[in-house]
Protein backbone atom coordinates (compact mmCIF):
# COMPACT_ATOMS: atom_id res chain seq x y z
CA UNK A 1 -29.50 15.66 -19.56
CA UNK A 2 -29.86 15.69 -15.76
CA UNK A 3 -27.95 12.38 -15.55
CA UNK A 4 -25.13 13.79 -17.71
CA UNK A 5 -24.98 16.83 -15.45
CA UNK A 6 -24.87 14.64 -12.32
CA UNK A 7 -22.10 12.49 -13.85
CA UNK A 8 -20.17 15.63 -14.76
CA UNK A 9 -20.32 16.80 -11.13
CA UNK A 10 -19.18 13.36 -9.91
CA UNK A 11 -16.21 13.49 -12.28
CA UNK A 12 -15.29 16.99 -11.08
CA UNK A 13 -15.56 15.80 -7.47
CA UNK A 14 -13.37 12.74 -8.16
CA UNK A 15 -10.75 14.89 -9.87
CA UNK A 16 -10.75 17.34 -6.97
CA UNK A 17 -10.44 14.51 -4.42
CA UNK A 18 -7.59 12.99 -6.40
CA UNK A 19 -5.73 16.26 -6.78
CA UNK A 20 -5.98 16.92 -3.04
CA UNK A 21 -5.05 13.39 -2.03
CA UNK A 22 -1.64 13.49 -0.33
CA UNK A 23 -0.94 9.87 -1.32
CA UNK A 24 -1.15 10.82 -5.00
CA UNK A 25 -4.17 8.65 -5.65
CA UNK A 26 -5.24 9.08 -9.22
CA UNK A 27 -7.34 5.95 -9.71
CA UNK A 28 -10.09 7.82 -11.55
CA UNK A 29 -7.56 9.34 -13.94
CA UNK A 30 -5.95 5.94 -14.62
CA UNK A 31 -9.37 4.52 -15.39
CA UNK A 32 -10.10 7.43 -17.70
CA UNK A 33 -6.73 6.96 -19.43
CA UNK A 34 -7.72 3.33 -20.04
CA UNK A 35 -10.92 4.55 -21.69
CA UNK A 36 -13.17 3.37 -18.88
CA UNK A 37 -16.04 5.33 -17.34
CA UNK A 38 -14.27 6.69 -14.28
CA UNK A 39 -17.42 7.28 -12.22
CA UNK A 40 -18.76 3.74 -12.75
CA UNK A 41 -15.43 1.92 -12.45
CA UNK A 42 -14.08 3.95 -9.50
CA UNK A 43 -17.12 2.82 -7.53
CA UNK A 44 -16.58 -0.80 -8.61
CA UNK A 45 -12.88 -0.75 -7.67
CA UNK A 46 -13.69 0.81 -4.29
CA UNK A 47 -16.73 -1.31 -3.41
CA UNK A 48 -15.66 -4.68 -4.84
CA UNK A 49 -11.88 -4.68 -4.35
CA UNK A 50 -11.40 -1.91 -1.77
CA UNK A 51 -8.94 -0.29 -4.18
CA UNK A 52 -8.78 3.48 -3.79
CA UNK A 53 -5.38 4.35 -5.25
CA UNK A 54 -3.79 3.82 -8.64
CA UNK A 55 -0.70 2.58 -6.80
CA UNK A 56 -2.70 -0.44 -5.66
CA UNK A 57 -3.33 -1.47 -9.27
CA UNK A 58 0.16 -2.97 -9.55
CA UNK A 59 -0.80 -5.64 -7.00
CA UNK A 60 -3.94 -6.78 -8.79
CA UNK A 61 -4.03 -9.81 -11.03
CA UNK A 62 -6.21 -12.53 -12.48
CA UNK A 63 -8.31 -13.15 -9.38
CA UNK A 64 -9.24 -9.48 -9.06
CA UNK A 65 -9.87 -9.27 -12.79
CA UNK A 66 -12.40 -12.12 -12.46
CA UNK A 67 -14.29 -10.06 -9.88
CA UNK A 68 -14.24 -6.97 -12.10
CA UNK A 69 -15.28 -8.97 -15.17
CA UNK A 70 -18.68 -9.58 -13.53
CA UNK A 71 -19.39 -5.84 -13.87
CA UNK A 72 -18.30 -5.40 -17.50
CA UNK A 73 -21.01 -3.83 -19.64
CA UNK A 74 -19.23 -3.99 -23.01
CA UNK A 75 -16.78 -6.45 -24.53
CA UNK A 76 -14.16 -3.73 -25.04
CA UNK A 77 -14.19 -3.00 -21.30
CA UNK A 78 -12.77 -6.50 -20.74
CA UNK A 79 -9.79 -5.67 -22.92
CA UNK A 80 -9.33 -2.27 -21.26
CA UNK A 81 -9.34 -3.87 -17.79
CA UNK A 82 -6.95 -6.61 -18.93
CA UNK A 83 -4.53 -4.03 -20.25
CA UNK A 84 -4.87 -1.86 -17.13
CA UNK A 85 -4.18 -4.81 -14.82
CA UNK A 86 -1.63 -6.52 -17.06
CA UNK A 87 -3.80 -9.63 -17.33
CA UNK A 88 -3.30 -11.56 -20.58
CA UNK A 89 -6.29 -12.18 -22.82
CA UNK A 90 -6.71 -15.96 -22.70
CA UNK A 91 -8.47 -16.16 -26.08
CA UNK A 92 -5.74 -14.18 -27.83
CA UNK A 93 -3.08 -16.29 -26.14
CA UNK A 94 -4.77 -19.50 -27.34
CA UNK A 95 -4.93 -18.21 -30.92
CA UNK A 96 -1.23 -17.28 -30.79
CA UNK A 97 -0.35 -20.73 -29.43
CA UNK A 98 -2.39 -22.42 -32.20
CA UNK A 99 -0.57 -20.34 -34.82
CA UNK A 100 2.80 -21.37 -33.35
CA UNK A 101 1.78 -25.03 -33.44
CA UNK A 102 0.67 -24.76 -37.08
CA UNK A 103 3.99 -23.17 -38.05
CA UNK A 104 5.97 -25.97 -36.40
């Protein structure tokens, strides 16, 4: 319960920082919208990629995804990060290509 309370305070702090940020940084909110734990992933984005603003997300790609993938705790987080960064799922793409080949 103490950990939940501490996480709740971190989330409130992140939201306050984001709402006061003159650059409009809402990284934590974007992560939350993607279904990701905003406390955990905000720290990863900041410490691993030096990304502090949601505006910076548009410049991230496959190389940055590879770095983030090392920190994934659940399989669904991979898909959430891929969607957030606009990185195609290689496995899904291969399956689609195989289906196209079979149809031909």
